[in-house]
PDB file of all heavy atoms in Angstrom:
ATOM      1  N   ILE A   1      10.987   9.430   4.089  1.00  0.00           N
ATOM      2  CA  ILE A   1      10.429  10.548   3.322  1.00  0.00           C
ATOM      3  C   ILE A   1       9.172  11.104   4.068  1.00  0.00           C
ATOM      4  O   ILE A   1       9.030  12.312   4.233  1.00  0.00           O
ATOM      5  CB  ILE A   1      10.041  10.064   1.906  1.00  0.00           C
ATOM      6  CG1 ILE A   1      11.329   9.722   1.073  1.00  0.00           C
ATOM      7  CG2 ILE A   1       9.209  11.122   1.187  1.00  0.00           C
ATOM      8  CD1 ILE A   1      11.085   9.005  -0.272  1.00  0.00           C
ATOM      9  N   ALA A   2       8.298  10.151   4.420  1.00  0.00           N
ATOM     10  CA  ALA A   2       7.088  10.641   5.168  1.00  0.00           C
ATOM     11  C   ALA A   2       7.431  11.352   6.446  1.00  0.00           C
ATOM     12  O   ALA A   2       6.830  12.393   6.796  1.00  0.00           O
ATOM     13  CB  ALA A   2       6.191   9.429   5.429  1.00  0.00           C
ATOM     14  N   ASP A   3       8.412  10.797   7.235  1.00  0.00           N
ATOM     15  CA  ASP A   3       8.820  11.489   8.492  1.00  0.00           C
ATOM     16  C   ASP A   3       9.372  12.894   8.224  1.00  0.00           C
ATOM     17  O   ASP A   3       9.105  13.814   8.952  1.00  0.00           O
ATOM     18  CB  ASP A   3       9.857  10.582   9.189  1.00  0.00           C
ATOM     19  CG  ASP A   3       9.289   9.397   9.838  1.00  0.00           C
ATOM     20  OD1 ASP A   3       8.029   9.324   9.958  1.00  0.00           O
ATOM     21  OD2 ASP A   3       9.999   8.478  10.199  1.00  0.00           O
ATOM     22  N   SER A   4      10.182  12.982   7.129  1.00  0.00           N
ATOM     23  CA  SER A   4      10.750  14.339   6.842  1.00  0.00           C
ATOM     24  C   SER A   4       9.734  15.320   6.458  1.00  0.00           C
ATOM     25  O   SER A   4       9.890  16.537   6.676  1.00  0.00           O
ATOM     26  CB  SER A   4      11.823  14.191   5.772  1.00  0.00           C
ATOM     27  OG  SER A   4      11.287  14.027   4.486  1.00  0.00           O
ATOM     28  N   ILE A   5       8.607  14.869   5.832  1.00  0.00           N
ATOM     29  CA  ILE A   5       7.502  15.740   5.458  1.00  0.00           C
ATOM     30  C   ILE A   5       6.682  16.121   6.633  1.00  0.00           C
ATOM     31  O   ILE A   5       6.210  17.233   6.871  1.00  0.00           O
ATOM     32  CB  ILE A   5       6.663  15.147   4.341  1.00  0.00           C
ATOM     33  CG1 ILE A   5       7.471  14.935   3.102  1.00  0.00           C
ATOM     34  CG2 ILE A   5       5.437  16.034   4.072  1.00  0.00           C
ATOM     35  CD1 ILE A   5       6.719  14.089   2.047  1.00  0.00           C
ATOM     36  N   GLY A   6       6.507  15.086   7.523  1.00  0.00           N
ATOM     37  CA  GLY A   6       5.590  15.246   8.671  1.00  0.00           C
ATOM     38  C   GLY A   6       4.219  14.647   8.439  1.00  0.00           C
ATOM     39  O   GLY A   6       3.213  15.170   8.945  1.00  0.00           O
ATOM     40  N   VAL A   7       4.158  13.614   7.631  1.00  0.00           N
ATOM     41  CA  VAL A   7       2.893  12.913   7.347  1.00  0.00           C
ATOM     42  C   VAL A   7       3.018  11.388   7.735  1.00  0.00           C
ATOM     43  O   VAL A   7       4.158  10.882   7.774  1.00  0.00           O
ATOM     44  CB  VAL A   7       2.422  13.047   5.866  1.00  0.00           C
ATOM     45  CG1 VAL A   7       2.161  14.547   5.539  1.00  0.00           C
ATOM     46  CG2 VAL A   7       3.408  12.426   4.969  1.00  0.00           C
ATOM     47  N   ASP A   8       1.920  10.725   7.904  1.00  0.00           N
ATOM     48  CA  ASP A   8       1.946   9.287   8.030  1.00  0.00           C
ATOM     49  C   ASP A   8       1.791   8.694   6.618  1.00  0.00           C
ATOM     50  O   ASP A   8       1.111   9.243   5.759  1.00  0.00           O
ATOM     51  CB  ASP A   8       0.739   8.806   8.835  1.00  0.00           C
ATOM     52  CG  ASP A   8       0.850   9.289  10.338  1.00  0.00           C
ATOM     53  OD1 ASP A   8       1.955   9.242  10.875  1.00  0.00           O
ATOM     54  OD2 ASP A   8      -0.166   9.699  10.901  1.00  0.00           O
ATOM     55  N   LEU A   9       2.411   7.536   6.405  1.00  0.00           N
ATOM     56  CA  LEU A   9       2.234   6.837   5.125  1.00  0.00           C
ATOM     57  C   LEU A   9       0.819   6.475   4.938  1.00  0.00           C
ATOM     58  O   LEU A   9       0.144   6.034   5.914  1.00  0.00           O
ATOM     59  CB  LEU A   9       3.125   5.627   5.051  1.00  0.00           C
ATOM     60  CG  LEU A   9       4.570   5.793   4.738  1.00  0.00           C
ATOM     61  CD1 LEU A   9       5.343   4.451   4.752  1.00  0.00           C
ATOM     62  CD2 LEU A   9       4.721   6.420   3.323  1.00  0.00           C
ATOM     63  N   GLY A  10       0.321   6.581   3.730  1.00  0.00           N
ATOM     64  CA  GLY A  10      -1.011   6.154   3.383  1.00  0.00           C
ATOM     65  C   GLY A  10      -1.210   4.672   3.614  1.00  0.00           C
ATOM     66  O   GLY A  10      -0.260   3.902   3.422  1.00  0.00           O
ATOM     67  N   LYS A  11      -2.440   4.275   3.822  1.00  0.00           N
ATOM     68  CA  LYS A  11      -2.744   2.832   4.057  1.00  0.00           C
ATOM     69  C   LYS A  11      -3.159   2.172   2.720  1.00  0.00           C
ATOM     70  O   LYS A  11      -4.162   2.622   2.074  1.00  0.00           O
ATOM     71  CB  LYS A  11      -3.868   2.707   5.047  1.00  0.00           C
ATOM     72  CG  LYS A  11      -3.484   3.222   6.455  1.00  0.00           C
ATOM     73  CD  LYS A  11      -4.657   3.050   7.399  1.00  0.00           C
ATOM     74  CE  LYS A  11      -4.266   3.524   8.845  1.00  0.00           C
ATOM     75  NZ  LYS A  11      -4.017   4.995   8.886  1.00  0.00           N
ATOM     76  N   CYS A  12      -2.419   1.188   2.352  1.00  0.00           N
ATOM     77  CA  CYS A  12      -2.769   0.364   1.176  1.00  0.00           C
ATOM     78  C   CYS A  12      -2.255  -1.011   1.356  1.00  0.00           C
ATOM     79  O   CYS A  12      -1.283  -1.201   2.123  1.00  0.00           O
ATOM     80  CB  CYS A  12      -2.272   1.022  -0.126  1.00  0.00           C
ATOM     81  SG  CYS A  12      -0.534   0.936  -0.373  1.00  0.00           S
ATOM     82  N   SER A  13      -2.808  -1.975   0.671  1.00  0.00           N
ATOM     83  CA  SER A  13      -2.322  -3.345   0.697  1.00  0.00           C
ATOM     84  C   SER A  13      -1.962  -3.875  -0.629  1.00  0.00           C
ATOM     85  O   SER A  13      -2.626  -3.595  -1.616  1.00  0.00           O
ATOM     86  CB  SER A  13      -3.393  -4.277   1.371  1.00  0.00           C
ATOM     87  OG  SER A  13      -4.578  -4.261   0.592  1.00  0.00           O
ATOM     88  N   VAL A  14      -0.865  -4.628  -0.674  1.00  0.00           N
ATOM     89  CA  VAL A  14      -0.448  -5.261  -1.928  1.00  0.00           C
ATOM     90  C   VAL A  14      -0.462  -6.720  -1.732  1.00  0.00           C
ATOM     91  O   VAL A  14       0.295  -7.270  -0.960  1.00  0.00           O
ATOM     92  CB  VAL A  14       0.904  -4.761  -2.342  1.00  0.00           C
ATOM     93  CG1 VAL A  14       1.327  -5.382  -3.719  1.00  0.00           C
ATOM     94  CG2 VAL A  14       1.031  -3.225  -2.461  1.00  0.00           C
ATOM     95  N   LYS A  15      -1.365  -7.423  -2.393  1.00  0.00           N
ATOM     96  CA  LYS A  15      -1.531  -8.857  -2.237  1.00  0.00           C
ATOM     97  C   LYS A  15      -1.341  -9.525  -3.572  1.00  0.00           C
ATOM     98  O   LYS A  15      -1.250  -8.962  -4.582  1.00  0.00           O
ATOM     99  CB  LYS A  15      -2.871  -9.206  -1.611  1.00  0.00           C
ATOM    100  CG  LYS A  15      -3.050  -8.612  -0.203  1.00  0.00           C
ATOM    101  CD  LYS A  15      -4.454  -8.892   0.336  1.00  0.00           C
ATOM    102  CE  LYS A  15      -4.680  -8.233   1.667  1.00  0.00           C
ATOM    103  NZ  LYS A  15      -6.087  -8.396   2.161  1.00  0.00           N
ATOM    104  N   ARG A  16      -1.276 -10.849  -3.550  1.00  0.00           N
ATOM    105  CA  ARG A  16      -1.175 -11.701  -4.765  1.00  0.00           C
ATOM    106  C   ARG A  16      -2.312 -12.736  -4.881  1.00  0.00           C
ATOM    107  O   ARG A  16      -2.650 -13.314  -3.811  1.00  0.00           O
ATOM    108  CB  ARG A  16       0.166 -12.423  -4.765  1.00  0.00           C
ATOM    109  CG  ARG A  16       1.421 -11.598  -4.768  1.00  0.00           C
ATOM    110  CD  ARG A  16       1.663 -10.934  -6.135  1.00  0.00           C
ATOM    111  NE  ARG A  16       2.958 -10.284  -6.270  1.00  0.00           N
ATOM    112  CZ  ARG A  16       3.305  -9.173  -5.824  1.00  0.00           C
ATOM    113  NH1 ARG A  16       2.386  -8.407  -5.108  1.00  0.00           N
ATOM    114  NH2 ARG A  16       4.461  -8.603  -6.029  1.00  0.00           N
ATOM    115  N   PHE A  17      -2.794 -12.913  -6.063  1.00  0.00           N
ATOM    116  CA  PHE A  17      -3.692 -13.967  -6.292  1.00  0.00           C
ATOM    117  C   PHE A  17      -2.797 -15.292  -6.353  1.00  0.00           C
ATOM    118  O   PHE A  17      -1.586 -15.135  -6.433  1.00  0.00           O
ATOM    119  CB  PHE A  17      -4.473 -13.847  -7.615  1.00  0.00           C
ATOM    120  CG  PHE A  17      -5.493 -12.774  -7.572  1.00  0.00           C
ATOM    121  CD1 PHE A  17      -5.334 -11.547  -8.167  1.00  0.00           C
ATOM    122  CD2 PHE A  17      -6.711 -13.007  -6.950  1.00  0.00           C
ATOM    123  CE1 PHE A  17      -6.317 -10.596  -8.133  1.00  0.00           C
ATOM    124  CE2 PHE A  17      -7.741 -12.073  -6.831  1.00  0.00           C
ATOM    125  CZ  PHE A  17      -7.533 -10.857  -7.464  1.00  0.00           C
ATOM    126  N   LYS A  18      -3.382 -16.418  -6.338  1.00  0.00           N
ATOM    127  CA  LYS A  18      -2.652 -17.650  -6.294  1.00  0.00           C
ATOM    128  C   LYS A  18      -1.717 -17.797  -7.515  1.00  0.00           C
ATOM    129  O   LYS A  18      -0.631 -18.442  -7.440  1.00  0.00           O
ATOM    130  CB  LYS A  18      -3.590 -18.877  -6.292  1.00  0.00           C
ATOM    131  CG  LYS A  18      -4.378 -19.017  -5.022  1.00  0.00           C
ATOM    132  CD  LYS A  18      -3.467 -19.370  -3.845  1.00  0.00           C
ATOM    133  CE  LYS A  18      -4.279 -19.663  -2.621  1.00  0.00           C
ATOM    134  NZ  LYS A  18      -3.463 -19.842  -1.393  1.00  0.00           N
ATOM    135  N   ASP A  19      -2.098 -17.153  -8.655  1.00  0.00           N
ATOM    136  CA  ASP A  19      -1.203 -17.308  -9.879  1.00  0.00           C
ATOM    137  C   ASP A  19      -0.164 -16.201  -9.907  1.00  0.00           C
ATOM    138  O   ASP A  19       0.500 -16.109 -10.945  1.00  0.00           O
ATOM    139  CB  ASP A  19      -2.095 -17.369 -11.144  1.00  0.00           C
ATOM    140  CG  ASP A  19      -2.886 -16.043 -11.323  1.00  0.00           C
ATOM    141  OD1 ASP A  19      -2.839 -15.175 -10.397  1.00  0.00           O
ATOM    142  OD2 ASP A  19      -3.495 -15.873 -12.386  1.00  0.00           O
ATOM    143  N   GLY A  20      -0.105 -15.360  -8.885  1.00  0.00           N
ATOM    144  CA  GLY A  20       0.941 -14.344  -8.882  1.00  0.00           C
ATOM    145  C   GLY A  20       0.416 -12.956  -9.297  1.00  0.00           C
ATOM    146  O   GLY A  20       1.147 -11.985  -9.183  1.00  0.00           O
ATOM    147  N   GLU A  21      -0.828 -12.877  -9.762  1.00  0.00           N
ATOM    148  CA  GLU A  21      -1.370 -11.511 -10.172  1.00  0.00           C
ATOM    149  C   GLU A  21      -1.389 -10.588  -8.973  1.00  0.00           C
ATOM    150  O   GLU A  21      -1.710 -11.010  -7.860  1.00  0.00           O
ATOM    151  CB  GLU A  21      -2.771 -11.668 -10.741  1.00  0.00           C
ATOM    152  CG  GLU A  21      -2.795 -12.123 -12.137  1.00  0.00           C
ATOM    153  CD  GLU A  21      -4.237 -12.173 -12.676  1.00  0.00           C
ATOM    154  OE1 GLU A  21      -5.117 -11.521 -12.073  1.00  0.00           O
ATOM    155  OE2 GLU A  21      -4.513 -12.790 -13.678  1.00  0.00           O
ATOM    156  N   ILE A  22      -1.060  -9.319  -9.165  1.00  0.00           N
ATOM    157  CA  ILE A  22      -0.989  -8.356  -8.121  1.00  0.00           C
ATOM    158  C   ILE A  22      -2.362  -7.731  -7.848  1.00  0.00           C
ATOM    159  O   ILE A  22      -3.106  -7.369  -8.784  1.00  0.00           O
ATOM    160  CB  ILE A  22       0.005  -7.278  -8.426  1.00  0.00           C
ATOM    161  CG1 ILE A  22       1.420  -7.861  -8.553  1.00  0.00           C
ATOM    162  CG2 ILE A  22      -0.002  -6.163  -7.392  1.00  0.00           C
ATOM    163  CD1 ILE A  22       2.405  -6.972  -9.288  1.00  0.00           C
ATOM    164  N   GLN A  23      -2.757  -7.662  -6.582  1.00  0.00           N
ATOM    165  CA  GLN A  23      -3.985  -7.111  -6.173  1.00  0.00           C
ATOM    166  C   GLN A  23      -3.726  -5.939  -5.212  1.00  0.00           C
ATOM    167  O   GLN A  23      -3.071  -6.132  -4.174  1.00  0.00           O
ATOM    168  CB  GLN A  23      -4.915  -8.135  -5.504  1.00  0.00           C
ATOM    169  CG  GLN A  23      -6.300  -7.535  -5.017  1.00  0.00           C
ATOM    170  CD  GLN A  23      -7.084  -8.582  -4.243  1.00  0.00           C
ATOM    171  OE1 GLN A  23      -6.497  -9.461  -3.565  1.00  0.00           O
ATOM    172  NE2 GLN A  23      -8.386  -8.396  -4.264  1.00  0.00           N
ATOM    173  N   ILE A  24      -4.128  -4.729  -5.506  1.00  0.00           N
ATOM    174  CA  ILE A  24      -3.852  -3.614  -4.668  1.00  0.00           C
ATOM    175  C   ILE A  24      -5.198  -2.974  -4.172  1.00  0.00           C
ATOM    176  O   ILE A  24      -6.142  -2.864  -4.942  1.00  0.00           O
ATOM    177  CB  ILE A  24      -3.038  -2.517  -5.423  1.00  0.00           C
ATOM    178  CG1 ILE A  24      -1.586  -2.951  -5.601  1.00  0.00           C
ATOM    179  CG2 ILE A  24      -3.084  -1.163  -4.687  1.00  0.00           C
ATOM    180  CD1 ILE A  24      -0.688  -2.058  -6.306  1.00  0.00           C
ATOM    181  N   ASN A  25      -5.237  -2.637  -2.894  1.00  0.00           N
ATOM    182  CA  ASN A  25      -6.373  -2.030  -2.337  1.00  0.00           C
ATOM    183  C   ASN A  25      -5.920  -0.780  -1.547  1.00  0.00           C
ATOM    184  O   ASN A  25      -5.081  -0.840  -0.651  1.00  0.00           O
ATOM    185  CB  ASN A  25      -7.186  -2.909  -1.421  1.00  0.00           C
ATOM    186  CG  ASN A  25      -8.424  -2.298  -0.899  1.00  0.00           C
ATOM    187  OD1 ASN A  25      -9.141  -1.593  -1.607  1.00  0.00           O
ATOM    188  ND2 ASN A  25      -8.786  -2.553   0.419  1.00  0.00           N
ATOM    189  N   ILE A  26      -6.462   0.444  -1.882  1.00  0.00           N
ATOM    190  CA  ILE A  26      -6.153   1.669  -1.161  1.00  0.00           C
ATOM    191  C   ILE A  26      -7.202   1.754  -0.047  1.00  0.00           C
ATOM    192  O   ILE A  26      -8.424   1.789  -0.296  1.00  0.00           O
ATOM    193  CB  ILE A  26      -6.284   2.905  -2.088  1.00  0.00           C
ATOM    194  CG1 ILE A  26      -5.223   2.733  -3.215  1.00  0.00           C
ATOM    195  CG2 ILE A  26      -6.051   4.165  -1.319  1.00  0.00           C
ATOM    196  CD1 ILE A  26      -5.453   3.634  -4.453  1.00  0.00           C
ATOM    197  N   GLU A  27      -6.721   1.815   1.191  1.00  0.00           N
ATOM    198  CA  GLU A  27      -7.535   1.655   2.337  1.00  0.00           C
ATOM    199  C   GLU A  27      -7.913   2.964   3.059  1.00  0.00           C
ATOM    200  O   GLU A  27      -8.191   2.978   4.246  1.00  0.00           O
ATOM    201  CB  GLU A  27      -6.914   0.707   3.365  1.00  0.00           C
ATOM    202  CG  GLU A  27      -6.727  -0.727   2.705  1.00  0.00           C
ATOM    203  CD  GLU A  27      -5.869  -1.639   3.566  1.00  0.00           C
ATOM    204  OE1 GLU A  27      -5.231  -1.188   4.528  1.00  0.00           O
ATOM    205  OE2 GLU A  27      -5.845  -2.844   3.231  1.00  0.00           O
ATOM    206  N   GLU A  28      -7.914   4.045   2.297  1.00  0.00           N
ATOM    207  CA  GLU A  28      -8.388   5.343   2.803  1.00  0.00           C
ATOM    208  C   GLU A  28      -8.826   6.190   1.634  1.00  0.00           C
ATOM    209  O   GLU A  28      -8.386   5.939   0.513  1.00  0.00           O
ATOM    210  CB  GLU A  28      -7.306   6.064   3.649  1.00  0.00           C
ATOM    211  CG  GLU A  28      -6.041   6.369   2.865  1.00  0.00           C
ATOM    212  CD  GLU A  28      -4.960   7.001   3.778  1.00  0.00           C
ATOM    213  OE1 GLU A  28      -5.002   8.225   3.888  1.00  0.00           O
ATOM    214  OE2 GLU A  28      -4.221   6.198   4.360  1.00  0.00           O
TER     215      GLU A  28
END
């Protein structure tokens, strides 16, 4: 999708706490 538009995918990280909770950080 990003290639067809002509953009780079945004930078973000999806991590997990030890108990499985989701932690998201948008890096731009």
